[in-house]
Amino acid sequence: MKRKKSVLVCVTGQKGSERLILQGKREAEELGASLKVLCVQPIPSVQTEEEQRIFAQISRELEYLRQKSKDAGAEMTVYFYDDPALAAAGFAKEVGAVRVVTGVSETPVGGFVDIFHQLLPKLTISMVSRDGVVYHLCPPEHTLPAARVLQYSLGV
């Protein structure tokens, strides 16, 4: 059985990730694909009072993003794993992702986008800046019309 294609949106536990969900919805509609939202959080230790407070705040923000995902027609999955790029790449394969939407990485080499791209180099990655500008990291054999193609050294 052929799996339906999807657009995967990778969010952090921050309300600002809503812009990623909205961009993912636009791209899913353009591609005729379903929309999936994934958040990978570090495995919580919840030992100190401060860590418990932070975890409670993240939980509230994840609930907000879950509702925004639902409003966009997507289901949201949360994984607790200490390697977000590896977990996201596995999930992308599992859901038949043809595009991934994420924020702009603050760490160009060795960050989430760099590692994810090394794991799945044939997937186009749409990166949305805080001010809403969308950049596309495309496989060499594929370009998007009117796309801002972001190219950087992978440090390989």
Protein backbone atom coordinates (compact mmCIF):
# COMPACT_ATOMS: atom_id res chain seq x y z
CA MET A 1 0.00 0.00 0.00
CA LYS A 2 1.35 3.41 -1.00
CA ARG A 3 1.66 5.87 1.88
CA LYS A 4 0.08 9.30 1.44
CA LYS A 5 2.63 12.07 1.18
CA SER A 6 2.84 14.61 3.96
CA VAL A 7 4.47 17.87 4.97
CA LEU A 8 6.17 17.59 8.33
CA VAL A 9 6.43 20.65 10.56
CA CYS A 10 9.08 20.43 13.29
CA VAL A 11 8.26 22.75 16.18
CA THR A 12 9.92 23.57 19.46
CA GLY A 13 7.96 23.98 22.67
CA GLN A 14 7.45 27.71 22.01
CA LYS A 15 4.29 29.54 20.98
CA GLY A 16 6.30 31.30 18.25
CA SER A 17 6.36 27.98 16.41
CA GLU A 18 2.80 28.74 15.30
CA ARG A 19 4.28 30.48 12.22
CA LEU A 20 5.81 27.15 11.19
CA ILE A 21 2.44 25.39 11.39
CA LEU A 22 0.85 28.08 9.21
CA GLN A 23 3.64 27.78 6.61
CA GLY A 24 3.35 23.99 6.72
CA LYS A 25 -0.37 24.24 6.07
CA ARG A 26 0.25 26.45 3.01
CA GLU A 27 2.84 24.04 1.64
CA ALA A 28 0.70 20.96 2.33
CA GLU A 29 -2.20 22.56 0.46
CA GLU A 30 0.09 23.43 -2.50
CA LEU A 31 1.41 19.86 -2.64
CA GLY A 32 -1.91 18.12 -1.96
CA ALA A 33 -0.33 16.49 1.09
CA SER A 34 -1.43 15.88 4.65
CA LEU A 35 0.06 17.96 7.45
CA LYS A 36 1.93 16.47 10.42
CA VAL A 37 3.43 18.37 13.32
CA LEU A 38 6.27 17.00 15.46
CA CYS A 39 7.91 18.31 18.60
CA VAL A 40 10.94 16.52 20.02
CA GLN A 41 11.73 17.47 23.60
CA PRO A 42 14.67 16.34 25.72
CA ILE A 43 13.89 13.62 28.19
CA PRO A 44 12.77 15.54 31.29
CA SER A 45 14.46 14.99 34.58
CA VAL A 46 11.93 17.03 36.62
CA GLN A 47 14.03 17.01 39.75
CA THR A 48 14.31 20.55 41.02
CA GLU A 49 11.47 22.99 41.56
CA GLU A 50 12.85 25.20 38.76
CA GLU A 51 12.97 22.26 36.32
CA GLN A 52 9.38 21.39 37.23
CA ARG A 53 8.32 25.00 36.58
CA ILE A 54 10.05 25.00 33.18
CA PHE A 55 8.49 21.66 32.26
CA ALA A 56 5.02 22.96 33.24
CA GLN A 57 5.53 26.05 31.03
CA ILE A 58 6.63 23.91 28.08
CA SER A 59 3.60 21.68 28.63
CA ARG A 60 1.27 24.70 28.41
CA GLU A 61 2.96 25.90 25.23
CA LEU A 62 2.80 22.42 23.70
CA GLU A 63 -0.93 22.32 24.42
CA TYR A 64 -1.28 25.70 22.65
CA LEU A 65 0.62 24.33 19.63
CA ARG A 66 -1.46 21.14 19.68
CA GLN A 67 -4.59 23.27 19.38
CA LYS A 68 -3.05 25.34 16.56
CA SER A 69 -2.11 22.09 14.79
CA LYS A 70 -5.66 20.82 15.16
CA ASP A 71 -7.00 24.15 13.81
CA ALA A 72 -4.72 23.67 10.76
CA GLY A 73 -6.04 20.14 10.21
CA ALA A 74 -2.93 18.41 11.53
CA GLU A 75 -2.18 15.94 14.24
CA MET A 76 0.69 16.77 16.56
CA THR A 77 3.09 14.20 17.93
CA VAL A 78 5.47 14.83 20.82
CA TYR A 79 8.53 12.65 21.33
CA PHE A 80 10.82 12.79 24.34
CA TYR A 81 14.25 12.01 22.97
CA ASP A 82 17.66 13.61 23.36
CA ASP A 83 18.54 13.67 19.63
CA PRO A 84 15.85 15.77 17.91
CA ALA A 85 17.27 15.56 14.36
CA LEU A 86 17.50 11.77 14.47
CA ALA A 87 13.98 11.43 15.91
CA ALA A 88 12.59 13.86 13.32
CA ALA A 89 14.30 12.06 10.43
CA GLY A 90 12.85 8.73 11.54
CA PHE A 91 9.40 10.27 11.92
CA ALA A 92 9.68 11.95 8.49
CA LYS A 93 10.30 8.56 6.89
CA GLU A 94 7.45 7.01 8.87
CA VAL A 95 4.88 9.60 7.72
CA GLY A 96 6.06 9.81 4.09
CA ALA A 97 7.26 13.41 4.35
CA VAL A 98 7.98 15.11 1.04
CA ARG A 99 8.81 18.46 2.66
CA VAL A 100 9.89 19.56 6.11
CA VAL A 101 9.16 22.96 7.65
CA THR A 102 11.25 24.22 10.54
CA GLY A 103 12.62 27.42 12.00
CA VAL A 104 15.92 28.91 10.88
CA SER A 105 18.71 27.19 12.74
CA GLU A 106 20.83 29.36 15.00
CA THR A 107 23.61 26.80 14.54
CA PRO A 108 24.25 26.39 10.78
CA VAL A 109 26.85 23.65 11.21
CA GLY A 110 26.00 20.83 13.60
CA GLY A 111 22.53 22.21 14.39
CA PHE A 112 19.15 20.60 13.82
CA VAL A 113 18.77 21.56 10.14
CA ASP A 114 22.34 20.55 9.25
CA ILE A 115 22.06 17.12 10.90
CA PHE A 116 18.54 16.51 9.56
CA HIS A 117 19.72 17.43 6.04
CA GLN A 118 22.65 15.02 6.32
CA LEU A 119 20.25 12.22 7.36
CA LEU A 120 17.67 12.93 4.62
CA PRO A 121 19.48 14.94 1.91
CA LYS A 122 16.78 14.43 -0.73
CA LEU A 123 14.06 16.21 1.27
CA THR A 124 13.42 19.91 0.72
CA ILE A 125 13.53 21.84 3.98
CA SER A 126 11.58 25.10 4.28
CA MET A 127 12.96 27.29 7.04
CA VAL A 128 10.84 30.14 8.38
CA SER A 129 12.62 33.04 10.06
CA ARG A 130 11.14 34.85 13.06
CA ASP A 131 9.98 37.63 10.75
CA GLY A 132 8.26 35.17 8.38
CA VAL A 133 10.77 34.97 5.54
CA VAL A 134 10.86 31.44 4.09
CA TYR A 135 14.14 29.93 2.89
CA HIS A 136 14.33 26.58 1.11
CA LEU A 137 17.19 24.13 1.36
CA CYS A 138 16.67 22.03 -1.76
CA PRO A 139 18.37 18.87 -2.99
CA PRO A 140 20.79 19.70 -5.83
CA GLU A 141 18.54 18.11 -8.48
CA HIS A 142 15.46 20.05 -7.40
CA THR A 143 14.65 23.73 -7.13
CA LEU A 144 11.44 25.45 -6.20
CA PRO A 145 10.03 28.25 -8.35
CA ALA A 146 10.58 31.68 -6.79
CA ALA A 147 12.39 30.06 -3.85
CA ARG A 148 15.16 31.59 -1.86
CA VAL A 149 17.63 28.75 -1.89
CA LEU A 150 19.85 28.71 1.17
CA GLN A 151 23.18 27.07 0.64
CA TYR A 152 25.84 26.65 3.24
CA SER A 153 28.74 24.40 3.92
CA LEU A 154 27.85 21.27 5.84
CA GLY A 155 31.31 21.15 7.31
CA VAL A 156 32.01 17.85 5.63
